[in-house]
Amino acid sequence: MHISPFQYIISNQQLDFPINHGEIFFHKGLSIGIHPSNREHLVINNDLIFFGECFDYENTQFMNKEIAEQLTGLSLEKKIEKINKLTGFFIFLFFENDHVYVFNDASGQLETYISNTDNRLFISAQPNMITYLSGDDSYHSDAPQYIIDRKINIFRKTPFKNIDKLIPNFYYHINDKKYIRFYPMKALPVLPADEVAKEALAVLEGSIASMASRKDISIAVTAGWDSRVLFAASLKNADKAVYYVLNHQTEDGRQDVKIAGQITGHFSKGLKVIDYDVSSIHLSGNDASVIWKDDEKGRKMSLLMNEHFPDRYLINGNISEVARNFYDPLPENLSLGELCYILGIKDGPYEKNAVKEWLETRNQYIYLLDSIYWEHKMPNWAGASKSVSNVYNTVISPFNNRYLLNLLLSTRRKDRDKYFHKIYSSILKNVDTHLALIPLNPTKKHRQISTMKKLHVYPLYRHLFFKMKKLKF
């Protein structure tokens, strides 16, 4: 079995088989298999196992080991408080009084699949690693064939009968074999937009400073919100950064190049424009990486990035969508079938039951559509994308921080409209008022939506197209 960078396998079974390009470590009856390039990303002490890449925006010089060791000796509640403020992608195993708990990062960007049956425990970034080791690749008896063929997870439910996925805001109690929600456990306050903007900027600046203290960074600049906010938050560390834009040869792509030039030009920063042709990028036939939800285009784009930015952190704005009302506006009351439509799946018994199981675990403290995006879309789309890209390079989102997302969600929904985001606008103004004046996404589609919003007909348009199932999610 081949193991690649940032893949891992943890088991209470002895890993006495050959792992190509892998190393095996042992702790408290567990075997841990990782790629040799990830030695500095594995921390083991009496209280915990840590794997991944994490950053402390309050202690920007801390490395993985120092951050992990801060949690030693703390109660589970205090550990959660610390984890909530960490940025990055990672997994923790905590050992407390013969109990073992599994936590992952804020949005499941280091994928975490778990099988815990017949006293055999497997935890891995890829479910097919578990099926290979356990010899059990059986599917749910009622799983539709398209779910199996397209490898679709519905929240934590995978097509495999004995494998679940650890999704955001839950931890797994190994002894009790239970997934337990730990966030949110109380209603979020409604905080002033300006106050949130200042604190959010500080978190982003600190996270980027921590990343830049370890490696040089590369940051995409586009015409959209997320990249512009990250550009603003990176300026204090611009000497460690290369700013770039991908020339996609589309209307959006042309606007990205134009606007990125205006943004970087205002601050006299260089901009690398990358012209590319996906069809001209060729994958090596020798790549044996075990990736369950493989993606050829994702691999090619990762190779392209590695060619231009070797041994750098690639910074992107994924996860920000959680706090941008991404699915809005939609009807208030949604049926199970309509929720399946939003998730991009059919509304059969298997799918509805999976959605219902998740609904029974949620509370009312976060708006339903935000919860869906955070706890389904982020781990099962963005997380799978990271599993592909991290084989080739290290991609990180400074937005992947639960404390930061909590801050952003603690505002009025109308202030975080995905097209007219007052919080992000305030962040930009706190750095330089000119950043908020440069047009955002000045495409034909954006102009049409802006006009419909001004005429107050956009909600009606969305509702009608939703009912006719003509919206794309």
Protein backbone atom coordinates (compact mmCIF):
# COMPACT_ATOMS: atom_id res chain seq x y z
CA MET A 1 0.00 0.00 0.00
CA HIS A 2 1.36 3.41 -0.97
CA ILE A 3 1.11 6.26 1.52
CA SER A 4 1.51 9.88 0.39
CA PRO A 5 2.22 13.19 2.15
CA PHE A 6 -0.43 14.11 4.71
CA GLN A 7 -2.06 10.70 4.50
CA TYR A 8 -2.07 8.63 7.67
CA ILE A 9 -3.36 5.39 9.16
CA ILE A 10 -3.86 4.82 12.91
CA SER A 11 -4.92 1.42 14.19
CA ASN A 12 -4.95 -0.83 17.24
CA GLN A 13 -3.90 -3.58 14.85
CA GLN A 14 -0.21 -4.12 14.20
CA LEU A 15 0.72 -2.56 10.86
CA ASP A 16 3.14 -5.34 9.96
CA PHE A 17 2.58 -5.08 6.20
CA PRO A 18 4.76 -3.08 3.82
CA ILE A 19 3.80 0.58 3.48
CA ASN A 20 5.50 1.97 0.39
CA HIS A 21 7.40 5.14 1.26
CA GLY A 22 5.98 5.01 4.79
CA GLU A 23 7.12 4.90 8.40
CA ILE A 24 5.36 3.33 11.40
CA PHE A 25 5.32 4.70 14.95
CA PHE A 26 3.79 3.11 18.06
CA HIS A 27 1.99 4.64 21.05
CA LYS A 28 -0.36 3.23 23.71
CA GLY A 29 -1.24 0.14 21.72
CA LEU A 30 -1.74 2.07 18.48
CA SER A 31 0.28 1.92 15.27
CA ILE A 32 0.62 5.15 13.28
CA GLY A 33 1.67 5.06 9.62
CA ILE A 34 2.74 8.27 7.88
CA HIS A 35 4.92 9.45 4.98
CA PRO A 36 8.57 10.20 5.96
CA SER A 37 8.19 13.82 4.81
CA ASN A 38 5.65 14.30 7.60
CA ARG A 39 7.84 13.48 10.62
CA GLU A 40 7.63 17.07 11.87
CA HIS A 41 3.85 16.90 11.50
CA LEU A 42 3.53 14.00 13.97
CA VAL A 43 3.65 14.76 17.70
CA ILE A 44 3.37 11.97 20.26
CA ASN A 45 3.45 12.27 24.03
CA ASN A 46 1.80 10.49 26.93
CA ASP A 47 -1.45 12.46 26.62
CA LEU A 48 -1.94 12.79 22.88
CA ILE A 49 -1.20 11.99 19.27
CA PHE A 50 -1.21 14.93 16.85
CA PHE A 51 -0.86 14.78 13.07
CA GLY A 52 -1.16 17.58 10.54
CA GLU A 53 -0.25 21.23 10.26
CA CYS A 54 -1.59 23.76 12.76
CA PHE A 55 -0.97 27.41 13.59
CA ASP A 56 -1.58 29.52 16.68
CA TYR A 57 -2.49 33.07 15.69
CA GLU A 58 -1.75 34.28 19.23
CA ASN A 59 1.69 32.63 19.38
CA THR A 60 2.90 32.97 15.81
CA GLN A 61 6.36 31.45 16.37
CA PHE A 62 5.01 28.20 17.84
CA MET A 63 5.60 25.04 15.81
CA ASN A 64 3.30 21.98 15.73
CA LYS A 65 5.09 20.40 18.70
CA GLU A 66 4.80 23.49 20.90
CA ILE A 67 1.15 23.98 20.00
CA ALA A 68 0.28 20.34 20.72
CA GLU A 69 2.17 20.30 24.01
CA GLN A 70 0.17 23.31 25.21
CA LEU A 71 -2.81 20.95 25.46
CA THR A 72 -1.04 18.43 27.69
CA GLY A 73 -2.66 18.10 31.10
CA LEU A 74 -5.72 20.21 30.29
CA SER A 75 -9.27 19.04 30.85
CA LEU A 76 -11.24 18.02 27.77
CA GLU A 77 -13.21 21.27 27.99
CA LYS A 78 -10.00 23.34 28.03
CA LYS A 79 -8.56 21.30 25.18
CA ILE A 80 -11.62 22.16 23.09
CA GLU A 81 -11.16 25.87 23.87
CA LYS A 82 -7.57 25.65 22.61
CA ILE A 83 -8.44 23.62 19.51
CA ASN A 84 -11.16 26.12 18.59
CA LYS A 85 -8.48 28.80 18.18
CA LEU A 86 -6.15 26.74 16.00
CA THR A 87 -5.86 27.28 12.25
CA GLY A 88 -4.80 24.58 9.80
CA PHE A 89 -5.66 20.95 9.07
CA PHE A 90 -5.05 18.26 11.68
CA ILE A 91 -6.21 15.40 13.87
CA PHE A 92 -5.77 14.94 17.64
CA LEU A 93 -6.17 11.80 19.72
CA PHE A 94 -6.45 12.58 23.44
CA PHE A 95 -5.88 9.94 26.13
CA GLU A 96 -7.70 10.61 29.42
CA ASN A 97 -8.25 8.07 32.19
CA ASP A 98 -8.35 5.12 29.79
CA HIS A 99 -10.67 7.03 27.46
CA VAL A 100 -9.62 8.11 23.96
CA TYR A 101 -11.14 11.02 22.03
CA VAL A 102 -10.62 11.98 18.38
CA PHE A 103 -10.82 15.61 17.23
CA ASN A 104 -10.08 17.19 13.86
CA ASP A 105 -9.76 20.72 12.51
CA ALA A 106 -12.57 23.26 12.26
CA SER A 107 -13.84 22.20 8.82
CA GLY A 108 -12.53 18.67 8.32
CA GLN A 109 -9.73 19.67 5.96
CA LEU A 110 -7.58 16.76 7.10
CA GLU A 111 -10.07 14.03 6.26
CA THR A 112 -10.79 11.62 9.10
CA TYR A 113 -12.50 8.28 8.41
CA ILE A 114 -13.16 5.92 11.30
CA SER A 115 -13.98 2.22 11.55
CA ASN A 116 -14.43 0.82 15.06
CA THR A 117 -15.99 -2.64 14.97
CA ASP A 118 -15.19 -6.00 16.57
CA ASN A 119 -12.51 -4.33 18.73
CA ARG A 120 -10.63 -3.34 15.59
CA LEU A 121 -9.99 0.39 15.26
CA PHE A 122 -8.86 2.13 12.08
CA ILE A 123 -8.57 5.91 11.60
CA SER A 124 -7.35 7.20 8.25
CA ALA A 125 -7.39 10.07 5.80
CA GLN A 126 -8.73 7.67 3.17
CA PRO A 127 -11.48 5.04 3.58
CA ASN A 128 -9.89 2.74 1.00
CA MET A 129 -6.83 2.48 3.24
CA ILE A 130 -9.16 1.14 5.92
CA THR A 131 -10.86 -1.32 3.58
CA TYR A 132 -7.42 -2.54 2.43
CA LEU A 133 -6.23 -3.16 5.99
CA SER A 134 -9.47 -4.46 7.47
CA GLY A 135 -10.44 -6.62 4.51
CA ASP A 136 -13.98 -5.26 4.87
CA ASP A 137 -15.17 -3.26 1.86
CA SER A 138 -18.90 -3.99 2.30
CA TYR A 139 -21.40 -1.23 1.53
CA HIS A 140 -24.66 -0.36 3.22
CA SER A 141 -27.20 -2.83 1.86
CA ASP A 142 -29.60 -0.01 0.90
CA ALA A 143 -27.00 2.33 -0.58
CA PRO A 144 -28.02 3.35 -4.13
CA GLN A 145 -25.50 2.43 -6.79
CA TYR A 146 -24.83 6.07 -7.74
CA ILE A 147 -23.83 6.78 -4.12
CA ILE A 148 -21.29 3.96 -4.33
CA ASP A 149 -20.08 4.83 -7.83
CA ARG A 150 -19.71 8.56 -7.14
CA LYS A 151 -18.31 7.94 -3.63
CA ILE A 152 -20.78 10.27 -1.95
CA ASN A 153 -20.74 10.97 1.76
CA ILE A 154 -23.85 12.49 3.33
CA PHE A 155 -22.59 14.35 6.36
CA ARG A 156 -20.74 11.59 8.31
CA LYS A 157 -22.39 8.67 6.50
CA THR A 158 -20.17 7.02 3.87
CA PRO A 159 -21.24 4.29 1.45
CA PHE A 160 -19.20 1.79 3.51
CA LYS A 161 -21.18 -0.16 6.09
CA ASN A 162 -18.52 0.05 8.81
CA ILE A 163 -16.80 3.37 8.06
CA ASP A 164 -17.98 6.83 9.12
CA LYS A 165 -16.46 10.26 8.59
CA LEU A 166 -15.67 12.66 11.41
CA ILE A 167 -17.32 15.91 10.34
CA PRO A 168 -16.85 19.42 11.76
CA ASN A 169 -18.05 20.30 15.26
CA PHE A 170 -18.10 16.69 16.48
CA TYR A 171 -15.55 14.54 18.28
CA TYR A 172 -15.44 10.76 18.43
CA HIS A 173 -15.32 8.86 21.72
CA ILE A 174 -13.51 5.63 20.85
CA ASN A 175 -14.51 3.73 24.00
CA ASP A 176 -18.23 4.45 23.63
CA LYS A 177 -18.14 4.39 19.81
CA LYS A 178 -20.06 7.68 19.73
CA TYR A 179 -19.89 10.88 17.70
CA ILE A 180 -20.59 13.79 20.05
CA ARG A 181 -21.41 17.36 19.04
CA PHE A 182 -19.36 19.91 20.98
CA TYR A 183 -20.13 23.05 18.96
CA PRO A 184 -22.21 25.14 19.12
CA MET A 185 -23.49 24.48 22.62
CA LYS A 186 -25.07 27.89 23.16
CA ALA A 187 -26.67 30.62 21.11
CA LEU A 188 -24.26 32.92 19.31
CA PRO A 189 -24.39 36.58 20.39
CA VAL A 190 -25.06 39.27 17.84
CA LEU A 191 -21.92 41.39 17.80
CA PRO A 192 -21.32 44.77 16.10
CA ALA A 193 -19.95 44.37 12.57
CA ASP A 194 -17.01 46.75 13.12
CA GLU A 195 -15.97 44.94 16.29
CA VAL A 196 -16.07 41.56 14.54
CA ALA A 197 -14.15 42.93 11.54
CA LYS A 198 -11.27 44.14 13.73
CA GLU A 199 -10.99 40.87 15.64
CA ALA A 200 -11.38 38.75 12.49
CA LEU A 201 -8.58 40.71 10.82
CA ALA A 202 -6.33 40.11 13.83
CA VAL A 203 -6.99 36.35 13.67
CA LEU A 204 -6.26 36.21 9.93
CA GLU A 205 -3.13 38.35 10.27
CA GLY A 206 -1.85 36.18 13.12
CA SER A 207 -2.54 32.93 11.26
CA ILE A 208 -0.76 34.17 8.15
CA ALA A 209 2.16 35.46 10.25
CA SER A 210 2.46 32.01 11.83
CA MET A 211 2.48 30.36 8.40
CA ALA A 212 5.05 32.84 7.06
CA SER A 213 7.32 32.16 10.05
CA ARG A 214 7.69 28.54 8.86
CA LYS A 215 7.72 28.86 5.07
CA ASP A 216 7.36 31.40 2.31
CA ILE A 217 3.76 31.68 1.15
CA SER A 218 1.87 32.13 -2.13
CA ILE A 219 -1.51 33.84 -2.16
CA ALA A 220 -3.99 33.92 -5.03
CA VAL A 221 -5.50 37.35 -5.75
CA THR A 222 -8.81 37.42 -7.62
CA ALA A 223 -11.80 39.70 -8.05
CA GLY A 224 -13.67 38.01 -5.19
CA TRP A 225 -14.09 38.64 -1.48
CA ASP A 226 -12.04 35.87 0.11
CA SER A 227 -8.76 36.44 -1.69
CA ARG A 228 -8.97 40.21 -1.19
CA VAL A 229 -9.47 39.82 2.54
CA LEU A 230 -6.51 37.44 2.69
CA PHE A 231 -4.41 39.85 0.63
CA ALA A 232 -5.22 42.58 3.16
CA ALA A 233 -4.38 40.27 6.07
CA SER A 234 -1.07 39.26 4.48
CA LEU A 235 0.39 42.73 3.95
CA LYS A 236 2.34 42.71 7.21
CA ASN A 237 4.13 39.63 5.88
CA ALA A 238 4.28 40.61 2.23
CA ASP A 239 8.05 40.13 2.18
CA LYS A 240 7.40 36.38 2.56
CA ALA A 241 4.63 36.28 -0.04
CA VAL A 242 4.27 35.85 -3.78
CA TYR A 243 0.94 37.09 -5.13
CA TYR A 244 -0.45 35.38 -8.20
CA VAL A 245 -3.56 35.00 -10.33
CA LEU A 246 -4.59 32.12 -12.59
CA ASN A 247 -5.62 33.27 -16.05
CA HIS A 248 -8.60 30.98 -16.65
CA GLN A 249 -9.39 32.37 -20.14
CA THR A 250 -13.03 33.01 -19.17
CA GLU A 251 -14.96 36.19 -18.36
CA ASP A 252 -14.38 35.57 -14.64
CA GLY A 253 -10.74 34.80 -15.32
CA ARG A 254 -10.20 38.00 -17.27
CA GLN A 255 -11.79 40.02 -14.47
CA ASP A 256 -9.58 38.22 -11.94
CA VAL A 257 -6.44 39.24 -13.82
CA LYS A 258 -7.62 42.84 -14.25
CA ILE A 259 -8.74 43.32 -10.65
CA ALA A 260 -5.75 41.48 -9.18
CA GLY A 261 -3.50 43.90 -11.05
CA GLN A 262 -5.35 46.87 -9.57
CA ILE A 263 -5.13 45.47 -6.03
CA THR A 264 -1.45 44.58 -6.08
CA GLY A 265 -0.56 47.69 -8.09
CA HIS A 266 -2.08 49.99 -5.45
CA PHE A 267 0.36 48.54 -2.90
CA SER A 268 3.29 48.29 -5.35
CA LYS A 269 3.37 44.51 -4.99
CA GLY A 270 4.37 42.17 -7.78
CA LEU A 271 1.76 39.93 -9.39
CA LYS A 272 2.52 36.66 -11.14
CA VAL A 273 -0.04 35.95 -13.89
CA ILE A 274 -0.12 32.21 -14.62
CA ASP A 275 -1.34 31.22 -18.06
CA TYR A 276 -2.11 27.54 -18.32
CA ASP A 277 -3.82 24.86 -20.37
CA VAL A 278 -5.10 21.89 -18.38
CA SER A 279 -4.92 19.62 -21.43
CA SER A 280 -1.17 20.22 -21.69
CA ILE A 281 -0.50 19.07 -18.11
CA HIS A 282 0.40 15.39 -18.02
CA LEU A 283 0.23 13.15 -14.96
CA SER A 284 2.95 10.65 -14.23
CA GLY A 285 1.99 7.03 -14.73
CA ASN A 286 4.09 6.15 -11.69
CA ASP A 287 1.89 7.99 -9.18
CA ALA A 288 0.37 5.32 -6.94
CA SER A 289 -1.25 7.65 -4.38
CA VAL A 290 -4.24 6.11 -2.61
CA ILE A 291 -6.98 8.72 -2.98
CA TRP A 292 -10.57 7.57 -2.67
CA LYS A 293 -12.19 10.61 -4.30
CA ASP A 294 -9.50 11.13 -6.90
CA ASP A 295 -9.74 14.04 -9.30
CA GLU A 296 -7.66 14.26 -12.46
CA LYS A 297 -8.11 18.01 -12.91
CA GLY A 298 -7.30 18.56 -9.24
CA ARG A 299 -4.07 16.61 -9.64
CA LYS A 300 -3.13 18.57 -12.75
CA MET A 301 -3.76 21.92 -11.06
CA SER A 302 -1.73 20.75 -8.08
CA LEU A 303 1.15 19.83 -10.36
CA LEU A 304 0.88 23.27 -11.96
CA MET A 305 1.05 24.95 -8.55
CA ASN A 306 3.98 22.81 -7.49
CA GLU A 307 5.83 23.77 -10.65
CA HIS A 308 5.43 27.47 -9.89
CA PHE A 309 5.58 27.40 -6.09
CA PRO A 310 7.66 24.47 -4.78
CA ASP A 311 8.11 24.20 -1.01
CA ARG A 312 5.71 27.03 -0.17
CA TYR A 313 2.40 27.18 1.63
CA LEU A 314 -0.38 27.84 -0.87
CA ILE A 315 -2.91 30.08 0.83
CA ASN A 316 -6.52 30.09 -0.35
CA GLY A 317 -9.89 31.34 0.90
CA ASN A 318 -11.87 28.10 1.19
CA ILE A 319 -14.05 27.84 4.32
CA SER A 320 -14.90 31.56 4.17
CA GLU A 321 -18.12 30.52 2.41
CA VAL A 322 -19.45 29.20 5.75
CA ALA A 323 -19.85 32.82 6.89
CA ARG A 324 -21.10 34.17 3.55
CA ASN A 325 -24.69 32.86 3.62
CA PHE A 326 -23.66 30.77 0.63
CA TYR A 327 -27.03 29.09 -0.01
CA ASP A 328 -29.17 32.19 0.61
CA PRO A 329 -31.84 33.11 -0.05
CA LEU A 330 -33.96 29.96 0.08
CA PRO A 331 -37.35 29.19 1.64
CA GLU A 332 -37.47 29.06 5.44
CA ASN A 333 -39.04 25.62 5.84
CA LEU A 334 -37.31 22.87 3.89
CA SER A 335 -38.44 19.27 3.52
CA LEU A 336 -36.06 16.30 3.62
CA GLY A 337 -36.42 16.02 -0.14
CA GLU A 338 -35.51 19.69 -0.62
CA LEU A 339 -32.49 19.29 1.64
CA CYS A 340 -31.38 16.37 -0.52
CA TYR A 341 -31.70 18.62 -3.58
CA ILE A 342 -29.45 21.24 -1.94
CA LEU A 343 -26.90 18.51 -1.21
CA GLY A 344 -26.98 17.36 -4.83
CA ILE A 345 -28.37 13.88 -4.11
CA LYS A 346 -31.61 12.04 -4.87
CA ASP A 347 -34.41 11.94 -2.32
CA GLY A 348 -34.67 8.20 -1.79
CA PRO A 349 -34.99 6.44 1.60
CA TYR A 350 -31.22 6.01 2.04
CA GLU A 351 -30.49 9.68 1.37
CA LYS A 352 -33.38 10.99 3.48
CA ASN A 353 -32.42 8.78 6.41
CA ALA A 354 -28.84 10.05 6.29
CA VAL A 355 -30.02 13.67 6.30
CA LYS A 356 -32.51 12.92 9.07
CA GLU A 357 -29.78 11.35 11.22
CA TRP A 358 -27.76 14.55 10.93
CA LEU A 359 -30.78 16.77 11.62
CA GLU A 360 -31.34 14.89 14.88
CA THR A 361 -27.84 15.91 16.04
CA ARG A 362 -28.06 19.62 15.29
CA ASN A 363 -29.38 22.43 17.43
CA GLN A 364 -30.87 25.79 16.50
CA TYR A 365 -27.85 27.93 17.39
CA ILE A 366 -26.57 28.21 13.81
CA TYR A 367 -28.80 28.83 10.80
CA LEU A 368 -29.66 25.56 9.04
CA LEU A 369 -28.15 26.46 5.65
CA ASP A 370 -24.90 27.63 7.26
CA SER A 371 -24.71 24.35 9.20
CA ILE A 372 -25.25 22.32 6.04
CA TYR A 373 -22.48 24.15 4.22
CA TRP A 374 -20.11 23.82 7.16
CA GLU A 375 -20.79 20.23 8.18
CA HIS A 376 -21.45 18.62 4.80
CA LYS A 377 -19.99 20.72 2.00
CA MET A 378 -16.71 21.65 3.67
CA PRO A 379 -15.49 18.18 4.75
CA ASN A 380 -16.91 16.34 1.75
CA TRP A 381 -15.93 18.78 -1.00
CA ALA A 382 -13.14 21.04 0.23
CA GLY A 383 -11.68 18.26 2.40
CA ALA A 384 -11.59 15.81 -0.50
CA SER A 385 -9.99 18.51 -2.66
CA LYS A 386 -7.27 19.04 -0.03
CA SER A 387 -6.59 15.29 0.04
CA VAL A 388 -5.70 15.50 -3.66
CA SER A 389 -3.69 18.73 -3.57
CA ASN A 390 -1.73 17.91 -0.42
CA VAL A 391 -0.14 14.94 -2.15
CA TYR A 392 1.76 17.52 -4.21
CA ASN A 393 1.85 20.69 -2.11
CA THR A 394 0.53 22.17 1.14
CA VAL A 395 -2.70 24.12 0.72
CA ILE A 396 -4.06 25.99 3.74
CA SER A 397 -6.98 28.29 4.41
CA PRO A 398 -6.54 30.88 7.20
CA PHE A 399 -10.35 30.85 7.50
CA ASN A 400 -10.23 27.28 8.84
CA ASN A 401 -10.44 28.38 12.46
CA ARG A 402 -13.55 27.71 14.56
CA TYR A 403 -13.08 30.81 16.72
CA LEU A 404 -12.92 32.94 13.56
CA LEU A 405 -16.00 31.32 12.02
CA ASN A 406 -17.84 31.75 15.32
CA LEU A 407 -16.97 35.46 15.25
CA LEU A 408 -18.15 35.92 11.68
CA LEU A 409 -21.39 34.03 12.33
CA SER A 410 -22.04 36.20 15.41
CA THR A 411 -23.34 39.00 13.19
CA ARG A 412 -26.60 39.86 11.49
CA ARG A 413 -27.22 37.67 8.45
CA LYS A 414 -27.89 40.69 6.26
CA ASP A 415 -24.39 41.98 7.08
CA ARG A 416 -22.72 38.89 5.60
CA ASP A 417 -24.49 38.69 2.27
CA LYS A 418 -22.27 36.69 -0.08
CA TYR A 419 -22.41 39.48 -2.68
CA PHE A 420 -22.38 42.50 -0.36
CA HIS A 421 -20.50 41.40 2.76
CA LYS A 422 -20.37 44.29 5.24
CA ILE A 423 -17.99 42.48 7.59
CA TYR A 424 -15.46 41.79 4.85
CA SER A 425 -15.89 45.32 3.52
CA SER A 426 -15.11 46.63 7.00
CA ILE A 427 -12.00 44.42 7.19
CA LEU A 428 -10.75 45.90 3.92
CA LYS A 429 -11.40 49.45 5.10
CA ASN A 430 -9.47 48.76 8.31
CA VAL A 431 -6.42 48.01 6.15
CA ASP A 432 -6.87 50.52 3.32
CA THR A 433 -10.10 52.18 2.19
CA HIS A 434 -9.01 51.83 -1.45
CA LEU A 435 -9.29 48.03 -1.14
CA ALA A 436 -13.02 48.35 -0.59
CA LEU A 437 -13.44 50.69 -3.56
CA ILE A 438 -11.94 48.40 -6.22
CA PRO A 439 -14.90 46.57 -7.85
CA LEU A 440 -15.73 43.09 -6.60
CA ASN A 441 -16.59 40.41 -9.16
CA PRO A 442 -17.68 42.92 -11.85
CA THR A 443 -19.11 40.24 -14.12
CA LYS A 444 -22.40 40.20 -16.00
CA LYS A 445 -23.87 37.70 -13.50
CA HIS A 446 -22.87 39.87 -10.54
CA ARG A 447 -24.42 42.96 -12.13
CA GLN A 448 -27.67 41.08 -12.77
CA ILE A 449 -27.87 39.86 -9.17
CA SER A 450 -27.04 43.33 -7.87
CA THR A 451 -29.90 44.80 -9.92
CA MET A 452 -32.35 42.13 -8.68
CA LYS A 453 -31.32 42.81 -5.08
CA LYS A 454 -31.85 46.54 -5.47
CA LEU A 455 -35.31 45.84 -6.91
CA HIS A 456 -35.99 43.38 -4.06
CA VAL A 457 -36.88 40.58 -6.46
CA TYR A 458 -33.84 38.35 -5.91
CA PRO A 459 -35.47 36.24 -3.13
CA LEU A 460 -38.51 35.62 -5.35
CA TYR A 461 -36.24 34.61 -8.25
CA ARG A 462 -34.32 32.21 -6.01
CA HIS A 463 -37.46 30.70 -4.51
CA LEU A 464 -39.08 30.11 -7.90
CA PHE A 465 -35.99 28.53 -9.42
CA PHE A 466 -35.50 26.45 -6.28
CA LYS A 467 -39.03 25.08 -6.49
CA MET A 468 -38.47 24.28 -10.18
CA LYS A 469 -35.12 22.64 -9.23
CA LYS A 470 -33.21 24.86 -11.62
CA LEU A 471 -30.68 26.19 -9.12
CA LYS A 472 -27.17 24.76 -9.07
CA PHE A 473 -25.52 24.18 -5.70
